[in-house]
Amino acid sequence: MPPLIVITGPTAVGKTGLSLALAAAVNGEIIGADSRQVYRLMDIGTAKPTLEERRQIPHHLIDIVQPDASLALAQYQALVYTAIQGILARGSIPLLVGGTAQYVNAII
């Protein structure tokens, strides 16, 4: 497995702030590991990073699925592996950030 920083925990404990600071310090890009933040239009109640935060540091797997669609774990896993390859190819460090243990465990 290539280098991967993992930041996980429950909603609204500071994962976003920590991940933004760490990503800036290590030339990182953030990969979302939250089963609700993958959905477009689900901003309230998900503690999704703001557009401004997403402009500061590249984010992946946020707002990728329509609310009436589903995302299987195997699909998520494949998308993460593709994102990791792209991040590493750019010379950056991937940070897996979120609170969905099933998503995190599928990657680590």
PDB file of N, CA and C in Angstrom:
ATOM      1  N   MET A   1       0.851  -1.186   0.000  1.00  0.00           N
ATOM      2  CA  MET A   1       0.000   0.000   0.000  1.00  0.00           C
ATOM      3  C   MET A   1       0.892   1.242   0.000  1.00  0.00           C
ATOM      4  N   PRO A   2       0.599   2.198  -0.877  1.00  0.00           N
ATOM      5  CA  PRO A   2       1.364   3.451  -0.875  1.00  0.00           C
ATOM      6  C   PRO A   2       1.076   4.257   0.385  1.00  0.00           C
ATOM      7  N   PRO A   3       1.862   5.305   0.646  1.00  0.00           N
ATOM      8  CA  PRO A   3       1.622   6.118   1.843  1.00  0.00           C
ATOM      9  C   PRO A   3       0.218   6.697   1.836  1.00  0.00           C
ATOM     10  N   LEU A   4      -0.427   6.631   2.984  1.00  0.00           N
ATOM     11  CA  LEU A   4      -1.791   7.142   3.134  1.00  0.00           C
ATOM     12  C   LEU A   4      -1.954   7.615   4.572  1.00  0.00           C
ATOM     13  N   ILE A   5      -2.361   8.868   4.736  1.00  0.00           N
ATOM     14  CA  ILE A   5      -2.664   9.402   6.067  1.00  0.00           C
ATOM     15  C   ILE A   5      -4.162   9.253   6.277  1.00  0.00           C
ATOM     16  N   VAL A   6      -4.571   8.719   7.426  1.00  0.00           N
ATOM     17  CA  VAL A   6      -5.986   8.514   7.725  1.00  0.00           C
ATOM     18  C   VAL A   6      -6.373   9.354   8.927  1.00  0.00           C
ATOM     19  N   ILE A   7      -7.434  10.152   8.765  1.00  0.00           N
ATOM     20  CA  ILE A   7      -8.007  10.937   9.861  1.00  0.00           C
ATOM     21  C   ILE A   7      -9.468  10.540   9.941  1.00  0.00           C
ATOM     22  N   THR A   8      -9.858   9.934  11.064  1.00  0.00           N
ATOM     23  CA  THR A   8     -11.229   9.458  11.190  1.00  0.00           C
ATOM     24  C   THR A   8     -11.788   9.800  12.560  1.00  0.00           C
ATOM     25  N   GLY A   9     -13.108   9.800  12.665  1.00  0.00           N
ATOM     26  CA  GLY A   9     -13.779  10.116  13.916  1.00  0.00           C
ATOM     27  C   GLY A   9     -15.208  10.534  13.633  1.00  0.00           C
ATOM     28  N   PRO A  10     -15.998  10.782  14.673  1.00  0.00           N
ATOM     29  CA  PRO A  10     -17.398  11.161  14.486  1.00  0.00           C
ATOM     30  C   PRO A  10     -17.543  12.557  13.879  1.00  0.00           C
ATOM     31  N   THR A  11     -18.761  12.865  13.457  1.00  0.00           N
ATOM     32  CA  THR A  11     -19.079  14.155  12.848  1.00  0.00           C
ATOM     33  C   THR A  11     -18.758  15.309  13.785  1.00  0.00           C
ATOM     34  N   ALA A  12     -18.192  16.362  13.201  1.00  0.00           N
ATOM     35  CA  ALA A  12     -17.986  17.657  13.865  1.00  0.00           C
ATOM     36  C   ALA A  12     -17.008  17.618  15.038  1.00  0.00           C
ATOM     37  N   VAL A  13     -15.935  16.818  14.909  1.00  0.00           N
ATOM     38  CA  VAL A  13     -14.907  16.811  15.959  1.00  0.00           C
ATOM     39  C   VAL A  13     -13.622  17.509  15.530  1.00  0.00           C
ATOM     40  N   GLY A  14     -13.613  18.046  14.307  1.00  0.00           N
ATOM     41  CA  GLY A  14     -12.450  18.787  13.850  1.00  0.00           C
ATOM     42  C   GLY A  14     -11.621  18.104  12.783  1.00  0.00           C
ATOM     43  N   LYS A  15     -12.149  17.050  12.175  1.00  0.00           N
ATOM     44  CA  LYS A  15     -11.399  16.343  11.131  1.00  0.00           C
ATOM     45  C   LYS A  15     -11.073  17.262   9.957  1.00  0.00           C
ATOM     46  N   THR A  16     -12.033  18.090   9.569  1.00  0.00           N
ATOM     47  CA  THR A  16     -11.822  18.961   8.409  1.00  0.00           C
ATOM     48  C   THR A  16     -10.697  19.950   8.657  1.00  0.00           C
ATOM     49  N   GLY A  17     -10.741  20.653   9.776  1.00  0.00           N
ATOM     50  CA  GLY A  17      -9.695  21.627  10.087  1.00  0.00           C
ATOM     51  C   GLY A  17      -8.324  20.992  10.168  1.00  0.00           C
ATOM     52  N   LEU A  18      -8.252  19.848  10.843  1.00  0.00           N
ATOM     53  CA  LEU A  18      -6.981  19.132  10.960  1.00  0.00           C
ATOM     54  C   LEU A  18      -6.482  18.682   9.591  1.00  0.00           C
ATOM     55  N   SER A  19      -7.385  18.132   8.786  1.00  0.00           N
ATOM     56  CA  SER A  19      -6.963  17.623   7.479  1.00  0.00           C
ATOM     57  C   SER A  19      -6.521  18.746   6.548  1.00  0.00           C
ATOM     58  N   LEU A  20      -7.177  19.900   6.612  1.00  0.00           N
ATOM     59  CA  LEU A  20      -6.761  21.038   5.784  1.00  0.00           C
ATOM     60  C   LEU A  20      -5.362  21.506   6.172  1.00  0.00           C
ATOM     61  N   ALA A  21      -5.118  21.628   7.466  1.00  0.00           N
ATOM     62  CA  ALA A  21      -3.802  22.071   7.939  1.00  0.00           C
ATOM     63  C   ALA A  21      -2.722  21.054   7.584  1.00  0.00           C
ATOM     64  N   LEU A  22      -3.021  19.782   7.797  1.00  0.00           N
ATOM     65  CA  LEU A  22      -2.038  18.740   7.506  1.00  0.00           C
ATOM     66  C   LEU A  22      -1.770  18.636   6.003  1.00  0.00           C
ATOM     67  N   ALA A  23      -2.825  18.699   5.205  1.00  0.00           N
ATOM     68  CA  ALA A  23      -2.652  18.625   3.749  1.00  0.00           C
ATOM     69  C   ALA A  23      -1.800  19.780   3.240  1.00  0.00           C
ATOM     70  N   ALA A  24      -2.009  20.965   3.794  1.00  0.00           N
ATOM     71  CA  ALA A  24      -1.199  22.124   3.401  1.00  0.00           C
ATOM     72  C   ALA A  24       0.265  21.915   3.791  1.00  0.00           C
ATOM     73  N   ALA A  25       0.493  21.296   4.931  1.00  0.00           N
ATOM     74  CA  ALA A  25       1.859  21.100   5.431  1.00  0.00           C
ATOM     75  C   ALA A  25       2.632  20.030   4.658  1.00  0.00           C
ATOM     76  N   VAL A  26       1.926  19.017   4.137  1.00  0.00           N
ATOM     77  CA  VAL A  26       2.617  17.894   3.490  1.00  0.00           C
ATOM     78  C   VAL A  26       2.359  17.814   1.985  1.00  0.00           C
ATOM     79  N   ASN A  27       1.774  18.871   1.406  1.00  0.00           N
ATOM     80  CA  ASN A  27       1.392  18.850  -0.010  1.00  0.00           C
ATOM     81  C   ASN A  27       0.432  17.690  -0.265  1.00  0.00           C
ATOM     82  N   GLY A  28      -0.657  17.669   0.502  1.00  0.00           N
ATOM     83  CA  GLY A  28      -1.612  16.579   0.415  1.00  0.00           C
ATOM     84  C   GLY A  28      -2.886  16.938  -0.308  1.00  0.00           C
ATOM     85  N   GLU A  29      -3.644  15.908  -0.643  1.00  0.00           N
ATOM     86  CA  GLU A  29      -4.981  16.041  -1.198  1.00  0.00           C
ATOM     87  C   GLU A  29      -5.901  15.155  -0.372  1.00  0.00           C
ATOM     88  N   ILE A  30      -7.131  15.610  -0.182  1.00  0.00           N
ATOM     89  CA  ILE A  30      -8.066  14.947   0.723  1.00  0.00           C
ATOM     90  C   ILE A  30      -9.043  14.068  -0.052  1.00  0.00           C
ATOM     91  N   ILE A  31      -9.206  12.849   0.433  1.00  0.00           N
ATOM     92  CA  ILE A  31     -10.186  11.915  -0.113  1.00  0.00           C
ATOM     93  C   ILE A  31     -11.257  11.722   0.953  1.00  0.00           C
ATOM     94  N   GLY A  32     -12.500  12.004   0.611  1.00  0.00           N
ATOM     95  CA  GLY A  32     -13.591  11.864   1.562  1.00  0.00           C
ATOM     96  C   GLY A  32     -13.898  10.413   1.880  1.00  0.00           C
ATOM     97  N   ALA A  33     -14.111  10.140   3.164  1.00  0.00           N
ATOM     98  CA  ALA A  33     -14.485   8.803   3.629  1.00  0.00           C
ATOM     99  C   ALA A  33     -15.756   8.922   4.453  1.00  0.00           C
ATOM    100  N   ASP A  34     -16.762   9.557   3.852  1.00  0.00           N
ATOM    101  CA  ASP A  34     -18.033   9.792   4.539  1.00  0.00           C
ATOM    102  C   ASP A  34     -19.171   9.368   3.617  1.00  0.00           C
ATOM    103  N   SER A  35     -20.020   8.488   4.096  1.00  0.00           N
ATOM    104  CA  SER A  35     -21.088   7.920   3.271  1.00  0.00           C
ATOM    105  C   SER A  35     -22.182   8.918   2.911  1.00  0.00           C
ATOM    106  N   ARG A  36     -22.216  10.068   3.533  1.00  0.00           N
ATOM    107  CA  ARG A  36     -23.224  11.090   3.210  1.00  0.00           C
ATOM    108  C   ARG A  36     -22.632  12.224   2.386  1.00  0.00           C
ATOM    109  N   GLN A  37     -21.362  12.518   2.586  1.00  0.00           N
ATOM    110  CA  GLN A  37     -20.733  13.618   1.855  1.00  0.00           C
ATOM    111  C   GLN A  37     -20.515  13.291   0.382  1.00  0.00           C
ATOM    112  N   VAL A  38     -20.619  12.026   0.002  1.00  0.00           N
ATOM    113  CA  VAL A  38     -20.507  11.675  -1.415  1.00  0.00           C
ATOM    114  C   VAL A  38     -21.700  12.196  -2.211  1.00  0.00           C
ATOM    115  N   TYR A  39     -22.819  12.481  -1.520  1.00  0.00           N
ATOM    116  CA  TYR A  39     -24.044  12.888  -2.207  1.00  0.00           C
ATOM    117  C   TYR A  39     -24.110  14.388  -2.436  1.00  0.00           C
ATOM    118  N   ARG A  40     -24.469  14.755  -3.655  1.00  0.00           N
ATOM    119  CA  ARG A  40     -24.707  16.157  -3.984  1.00  0.00           C
ATOM    120  C   ARG A  40     -25.945  16.627  -3.235  1.00  0.00           C
ATOM    121  N   LEU A  41     -25.988  17.895  -2.938  1.00  0.00           N
ATOM    122  CA  LEU A  41     -27.140  18.575  -2.327  1.00  0.00           C
ATOM    123  C   LEU A  41     -27.382  18.189  -0.878  1.00  0.00           C
ATOM    124  N   MET A  42     -26.555  17.364  -0.294  1.00  0.00           N
ATOM    125  CA  MET A  42     -26.725  16.968   1.107  1.00  0.00           C
ATOM    126  C   MET A  42     -25.691  17.700   1.956  1.00  0.00           C
ATOM    127  N   ASP A  43     -25.807  19.024   1.999  1.00  0.00           N
ATOM    128  CA  ASP A  43     -24.824  19.839   2.709  1.00  0.00           C
ATOM    129  C   ASP A  43     -25.177  20.023   4.183  1.00  0.00           C
ATOM    130  N   ILE A  44     -26.459  20.134   4.474  1.00  0.00           N
ATOM    131  CA  ILE A  44     -26.891  20.357   5.851  1.00  0.00           C
ATOM    132  C   ILE A  44     -26.870  19.025   6.598  1.00  0.00           C
ATOM    133  N   GLY A  45     -26.248  19.016   7.751  1.00  0.00           N
ATOM    134  CA  GLY A  45     -26.224  17.819   8.588  1.00  0.00           C
ATOM    135  C   GLY A  45     -25.099  16.852   8.279  1.00  0.00           C
ATOM    136  N   THR A  46     -24.293  17.135   7.260  1.00  0.00           N
ATOM    137  CA  THR A  46     -23.195  16.224   6.925  1.00  0.00           C
ATOM    138  C   THR A  46     -21.837  16.787   7.317  1.00  0.00           C
ATOM    139  N   ALA A  47     -21.789  18.046   7.722  1.00  0.00           N
ATOM    140  CA  ALA A  47     -20.520  18.730   8.039  1.00  0.00           C
ATOM    141  C   ALA A  47     -19.552  18.641   6.863  1.00  0.00           C
ATOM    142  N   LYS A  48     -20.117  18.719   5.659  1.00  0.00           N
ATOM    143  CA  LYS A  48     -19.320  18.666   4.430  1.00  0.00           C
ATOM    144  C   LYS A  48     -18.388  19.869   4.373  1.00  0.00           C
ATOM    145  N   PRO A  49     -17.153  19.677   3.906  1.00  0.00           N
ATOM    146  CA  PRO A  49     -16.260  20.835   3.759  1.00  0.00           C
ATOM    147  C   PRO A  49     -16.906  21.886   2.856  1.00  0.00           C
ATOM    148  N   THR A  50     -16.711  23.145   3.196  1.00  0.00           N
ATOM    149  CA  THR A  50     -17.294  24.224   2.403  1.00  0.00           C
ATOM    150  C   THR A  50     -16.594  24.317   1.050  1.00  0.00           C
ATOM    151  N   LEU A  51     -17.216  25.038   0.131  1.00  0.00           N
ATOM    152  CA  LEU A  51     -16.589  25.250  -1.175  1.00  0.00           C
ATOM    153  C   LEU A  51     -15.247  25.952  -1.021  1.00  0.00           C
ATOM    154  N   GLU A  52     -15.168  26.909  -0.103  1.00  0.00           N
ATOM    155  CA  GLU A  52     -13.909  27.617   0.136  1.00  0.00           C
ATOM    156  C   GLU A  52     -12.831  26.649   0.634  1.00  0.00           C
ATOM    157  N   GLU A  53     -13.199  25.767   1.552  1.00  0.00           N
ATOM    158  CA  GLU A  53     -12.231  24.779   2.050  1.00  0.00           C
ATOM    159  C   GLU A  53     -11.781  23.851   0.924  1.00  0.00           C
ATOM    160  N   ARG A  54     -12.719  23.502   0.038  1.00  0.00           N
ATOM    161  CA  ARG A  54     -12.383  22.617  -1.082  1.00  0.00           C
ATOM    162  C   ARG A  54     -11.541  23.323  -2.138  1.00  0.00           C
ATOM    163  N   ARG A  55     -11.615  24.643  -2.169  1.00  0.00           N
ATOM    164  CA  ARG A  55     -10.751  25.398  -3.086  1.00  0.00           C
ATOM    165  C   ARG A  55      -9.317  25.480  -2.557  1.00  0.00           C
ATOM    166  N   GLN A  56      -9.163  25.482  -1.235  1.00  0.00           N
ATOM    167  CA  GLN A  56      -7.829  25.587  -0.628  1.00  0.00           C
ATOM    168  C   GLN A  56      -6.978  24.353  -0.911  1.00  0.00           C
ATOM    169  N   ILE A  57      -7.586  23.196  -0.751  1.00  0.00           N
ATOM    170  CA  ILE A  57      -6.900  21.906  -0.900  1.00  0.00           C
ATOM    171  C   ILE A  57      -7.770  21.028  -1.803  1.00  0.00           C
ATOM    172  N   PRO A  58      -7.187  20.344  -2.783  1.00  0.00           N
ATOM    173  CA  PRO A  58      -8.004  19.453  -3.617  1.00  0.00           C
ATOM    174  C   PRO A  58      -8.705  18.377  -2.777  1.00  0.00           C
ATOM    175  N   HIS A  59      -9.988  18.183  -3.069  1.00  0.00           N
ATOM    176  CA  HIS A  59     -10.800  17.161  -2.406  1.00  0.00           C
ATOM    177  C   HIS A  59     -11.311  16.175  -3.455  1.00  0.00           C
ATOM    178  N   HIS A  60     -11.453  14.934  -3.055  1.00  0.00           N
ATOM    179  CA  HIS A  60     -11.953  13.882  -3.930  1.00  0.00           C
ATOM    180  C   HIS A  60     -13.089  13.153  -3.219  1.00  0.00           C
ATOM    181  N   LEU A  61     -14.035  12.651  -3.986  1.00  0.00           N
ATOM    182  CA  LEU A  61     -15.176  11.855  -3.511  1.00  0.00           C
ATOM    183  C   LEU A  61     -16.115  12.650  -2.607  1.00  0.00           C
ATOM    184  N   ILE A  62     -16.265  13.929  -2.899  1.00  0.00           N
ATOM    185  CA  ILE A  62     -17.271  14.783  -2.267  1.00  0.00           C
ATOM    186  C   ILE A  62     -18.209  15.213  -3.390  1.00  0.00           C
ATOM    187  N   ASP A  63     -19.523  15.127  -3.171  1.00  0.00           N
ATOM    188  CA  ASP A  63     -20.513  15.549  -4.178  1.00  0.00           C
ATOM    189  C   ASP A  63     -20.375  14.779  -5.489  1.00  0.00           C
ATOM    190  N   ILE A  64     -20.259  13.475  -5.428  1.00  0.00           N
ATOM    191  CA  ILE A  64     -20.076  12.699  -6.657  1.00  0.00           C
ATOM    192  C   ILE A  64     -21.304  11.883  -7.058  1.00  0.00           C
ATOM    193  N   VAL A  65     -22.306  11.773  -6.179  1.00  0.00           N
ATOM    194  CA  VAL A  65     -23.462  10.918  -6.440  1.00  0.00           C
ATOM    195  C   VAL A  65     -24.740  11.741  -6.298  1.00  0.00           C
ATOM    196  N   GLN A  66     -25.679  11.523  -7.214  1.00  0.00           N
ATOM    197  CA  GLN A  66     -26.984  12.177  -7.100  1.00  0.00           C
ATOM    198  C   GLN A  66     -27.734  11.592  -5.896  1.00  0.00           C
ATOM    199  N   PRO A  67     -28.577  12.396  -5.246  1.00  0.00           N
ATOM    200  CA  PRO A  67     -29.271  11.917  -4.041  1.00  0.00           C
ATOM    201  C   PRO A  67     -30.157  10.691  -4.260  1.00  0.00           C
ATOM    202  N   ASP A  68     -30.638  10.488  -5.485  1.00  0.00           N
ATOM    203  CA  ASP A  68     -31.521   9.347  -5.741  1.00  0.00           C
ATOM    204  C   ASP A  68     -30.755   8.107  -6.223  1.00  0.00           C
ATOM    205  N   ALA A  69     -29.432   8.177  -6.209  1.00  0.00           N
ATOM    206  CA  ALA A  69     -28.602   7.040  -6.619  1.00  0.00           C
ATOM    207  C   ALA A  69     -27.915   6.440  -5.395  1.00  0.00           C
ATOM    208  N   SER A  70     -27.306   5.301  -5.596  1.00  0.00           N
ATOM    209  CA  SER A  70     -26.563   4.679  -4.499  1.00  0.00           C
ATOM    210  C   SER A  70     -25.117   4.464  -4.934  1.00  0.00           C
ATOM    211  N   LEU A  71     -24.267   4.267  -3.957  1.00  0.00           N
ATOM    212  CA  LEU A  71     -22.851   4.007  -4.209  1.00  0.00           C
ATOM    213  C   LEU A  71     -22.470   2.767  -3.413  1.00  0.00           C
ATOM    214  N   ALA A  72     -22.224   1.677  -4.109  1.00  0.00           N
ATOM    215  CA  ALA A  72     -21.826   0.433  -3.449  1.00  0.00           C
ATOM    216  C   ALA A  72     -20.410   0.573  -2.893  1.00  0.00           C
ATOM    217  N   LEU A  73     -20.123  -0.190  -1.861  1.00  0.00           N
ATOM    218  CA  LEU A  73     -18.806  -0.142  -1.237  1.00  0.00           C
ATOM    219  C   LEU A  73     -17.698  -0.459  -2.246  1.00  0.00           C
ATOM    220  N   ALA A  74     -17.918  -1.430  -3.107  1.00  0.00           N
ATOM    221  CA  ALA A  74     -16.909  -1.777  -4.111  1.00  0.00           C
ATOM    222  C   ALA A  74     -16.668  -0.619  -5.080  1.00  0.00           C
ATOM    223  N   GLN A  75     -17.722   0.118  -5.419  1.00  0.00           N
ATOM    224  CA  GLN A  75     -17.564   1.293  -6.283  1.00  0.00           C
ATOM    225  C   GLN A  75     -16.737   2.359  -5.572  1.00  0.00           C
ATOM    226  N   TYR A  76     -17.071   2.601  -4.307  1.00  0.00           N
ATOM    227  CA  TYR A  76     -16.324   3.586  -3.520  1.00  0.00           C
ATOM    228  C   TYR A  76     -14.848   3.198  -3.467  1.00  0.00           C
ATOM    229  N   GLN A  77     -14.598   1.948  -3.175  1.00  0.00           N
ATOM    230  CA  GLN A  77     -13.225   1.452  -3.052  1.00  0.00           C
ATOM    231  C   GLN A  77     -12.447   1.677  -4.352  1.00  0.00           C
ATOM    232  N   ALA A  78     -13.050   1.366  -5.483  1.00  0.00           N
ATOM    233  CA  ALA A  78     -12.387   1.559  -6.778  1.00  0.00           C
ATOM    234  C   ALA A  78     -12.104   3.033  -7.032  1.00  0.00           C
ATOM    235  N   LEU A  79     -13.046   3.899  -6.683  1.00  0.00           N
ATOM    236  CA  LEU A  79     -12.852   5.339  -6.861  1.00  0.00           C
ATOM    237  C   LEU A  79     -11.712   5.859  -5.984  1.00  0.00           C
ATOM    238  N   VAL A  80     -11.625   5.346  -4.767  1.00  0.00           N
ATOM    239  CA  VAL A  80     -10.541   5.768  -3.871  1.00  0.00           C
ATOM    240  C   VAL A  80      -9.190   5.334  -4.426  1.00  0.00           C
ATOM    241  N   TYR A  81      -9.088   4.090  -4.875  1.00  0.00           N
ATOM    242  CA  TYR A  81      -7.812   3.617  -5.412  1.00  0.00           C
ATOM    243  C   TYR A  81      -7.390   4.436  -6.630  1.00  0.00           C
ATOM    244  N   THR A  82      -8.354   4.803  -7.470  1.00  0.00           N
ATOM    245  CA  THR A  82      -8.054   5.655  -8.626  1.00  0.00           C
ATOM    246  C   THR A  82      -7.588   7.030  -8.171  1.00  0.00           C
ATOM    247  N   ALA A  83      -8.267   7.593  -7.168  1.00  0.00           N
ATOM    248  CA  ALA A  83      -7.874   8.906  -6.639  1.00  0.00           C
ATOM    249  C   ALA A  83      -6.469   8.854  -6.047  1.00  0.00           C
ATOM    250  N   ILE A  84      -6.169   7.808  -5.300  1.00  0.00           N
ATOM    251  CA  ILE A  84      -4.839   7.669  -4.695  1.00  0.00           C
ATOM    252  C   ILE A  84      -3.766   7.626  -5.781  1.00  0.00           C
ATOM    253  N   GLN A  85      -4.001   6.867  -6.835  1.00  0.00           N
ATOM    254  CA  GLN A  85      -3.025   6.786  -7.927  1.00  0.00           C
ATOM    255  C   GLN A  85      -2.783   8.158  -8.548  1.00  0.00           C
ATOM    256  N   GLY A  86      -3.855   8.917  -8.776  1.00  0.00           N
ATOM    257  CA  GLY A  86      -3.718  10.249  -9.353  1.00  0.00           C
ATOM    258  C   GLY A  86      -2.976  11.205  -8.434  1.00  0.00           C
ATOM    259  N   ILE A  87      -3.296  11.144  -7.150  1.00  0.00           N
ATOM    260  CA  ILE A  87      -2.639  12.013  -6.162  1.00  0.00           C
ATOM    261  C   ILE A  87      -1.146  11.716  -6.107  1.00  0.00           C
ATOM    262  N   LEU A  88      -0.802  10.446  -6.043  1.00  0.00           N
ATOM    263  CA  LEU A  88       0.612  10.064  -5.998  1.00  0.00           C
ATOM    264  C   LEU A  88       1.330  10.459  -7.289  1.00  0.00           C
ATOM    265  N   ALA A  89       0.649  10.336  -8.425  1.00  0.00           N
ATOM    266  CA  ALA A  89       1.252  10.709  -9.708  1.00  0.00           C
ATOM    267  C   ALA A  89       1.576  12.201  -9.760  1.00  0.00           C
ATOM    268  N   ARG A  90       0.810  13.002  -9.025  1.00  0.00           N
ATOM    269  CA  ARG A  90       1.071  14.443  -8.963  1.00  0.00           C
ATOM    270  C   ARG A  90       2.134  14.787  -7.921  1.00  0.00           C
ATOM    271  N   GLY A  91       2.647  13.786  -7.231  1.00  0.00           N
ATOM    272  CA  GLY A  91       3.668  14.025  -6.219  1.00  0.00           C
ATOM    273  C   GLY A  91       3.102  14.500  -4.897  1.00  0.00           C
ATOM    274  N   SER A  92       1.816  14.268  -4.687  1.00  0.00           N
ATOM    275  CA  SER A  92       1.159  14.679  -3.442  1.00  0.00           C
ATOM    276  C   SER A  92       0.911  13.473  -2.548  1.00  0.00           C
ATOM    277  N   ILE A  93       0.491  13.752  -1.321  1.00  0.00           N
ATOM    278  CA  ILE A  93       0.198  12.717  -0.328  1.00  0.00           C
ATOM    279  C   ILE A  93      -1.318  12.615  -0.163  1.00  0.00           C
ATOM    280  N   PRO A  94      -1.894  11.407  -0.269  1.00  0.00           N
ATOM    281  CA  PRO A  94      -3.330  11.256  -0.053  1.00  0.00           C
ATOM    282  C   PRO A  94      -3.675  11.210   1.438  1.00  0.00           C
ATOM    283  N   LEU A  95      -4.741  11.922   1.796  1.00  0.00           N
ATOM    284  CA  LEU A  95      -5.282  11.890   3.155  1.00  0.00           C
ATOM    285  C   LEU A  95      -6.707  11.366   3.065  1.00  0.00           C
ATOM    286  N   LEU A  96      -6.995  10.245   3.695  1.00  0.00           N
ATOM    287  CA  LEU A  96      -8.340   9.685   3.750  1.00  0.00           C
ATOM    288  C   LEU A  96      -9.002  10.251   4.997  1.00  0.00           C
ATOM    289  N   VAL A  97     -10.091  11.015   4.808  1.00  0.00           N
ATOM    290  CA  VAL A  97     -10.676  11.768   5.918  1.00  0.00           C
ATOM    291  C   VAL A  97     -12.177  11.528   5.982  1.00  0.00           C
ATOM    292  N   GLY A  98     -12.665  11.055   7.125  1.00  0.00           N
ATOM    293  CA  GLY A  98     -14.101  10.889   7.297  1.00  0.00           C
ATOM    294  C   GLY A  98     -14.429   9.975   8.451  1.00  0.00           C
ATOM    295  N   GLY A  99     -15.721   9.840   8.673  1.00  0.00           N
ATOM    296  CA  GLY A  99     -16.167   9.087   9.827  1.00  0.00           C
ATOM    297  C   GLY A  99     -16.929   7.814   9.527  1.00  0.00           C
ATOM    298  N   THR A 100     -16.977   7.399   8.269  1.00  0.00           N
ATOM    299  CA  THR A 100     -17.679   6.163   7.939  1.00  0.00           C
ATOM    300  C   THR A 100     -16.691   5.004   8.022  1.00  0.00           C
ATOM    301  N   ALA A 101     -16.764   4.269   9.116  1.00  0.00           N
ATOM    302  CA  ALA A 101     -15.798   3.199   9.382  1.00  0.00           C
ATOM    303  C   ALA A 101     -15.776   2.162   8.268  1.00  0.00           C
ATOM    304  N   GLN A 102     -16.921   1.850   7.695  1.00  0.00           N
ATOM    305  CA  GLN A 102     -16.969   0.871   6.613  1.00  0.00           C
ATOM    306  C   GLN A 102     -16.123   1.338   5.426  1.00  0.00           C
ATOM    307  N   TYR A 103     -16.184   2.619   5.114  1.00  0.00           N
ATOM    308  CA  TYR A 103     -15.376   3.166   4.021  1.00  0.00           C
ATOM    309  C   TYR A 103     -13.892   3.130   4.378  1.00  0.00           C
ATOM    310  N   VAL A 104     -13.562   3.581   5.562  1.00  0.00           N
ATOM    311  CA  VAL A 104     -12.159   3.604   5.992  1.00  0.00           C
ATOM    312  C   VAL A 104     -11.589   2.186   6.011  1.00  0.00           C
ATOM    313  N   ASN A 105     -12.310   1.254   6.605  1.00  0.00           N
ATOM    314  CA  ASN A 105     -11.831  -0.131   6.705  1.00  0.00           C
ATOM    315  C   ASN A 105     -11.668  -0.789   5.338  1.00  0.00           C
ATOM    316  N   ALA A 106     -12.487  -0.394   4.367  1.00  0.00           N
ATOM    317  CA  ALA A 106     -12.381  -0.964   3.022  1.00  0.00           C
ATOM    318  C   ALA A 106     -11.093  -0.540   2.331  1.00  0.00           C
ATOM    319  N   ILE A 107     -10.498   0.553   2.800  1.00  0.00           N
ATOM    320  CA  ILE A 107      -9.283   1.068   2.172  1.00  0.00           C
ATOM    321  C   ILE A 107      -8.028   0.662   2.935  1.00  0.00           C
ATOM    322  N   ILE A 108      -8.081   0.721   4.257  1.00  0.00           N
ATOM    323  CA  ILE A 108      -6.879   0.406   5.023  1.00  0.00           C
ATOM    324  C   ILE A 108      -6.812  -1.075   5.315  1.00  0.00           C
TER     325      ILE A 108
END
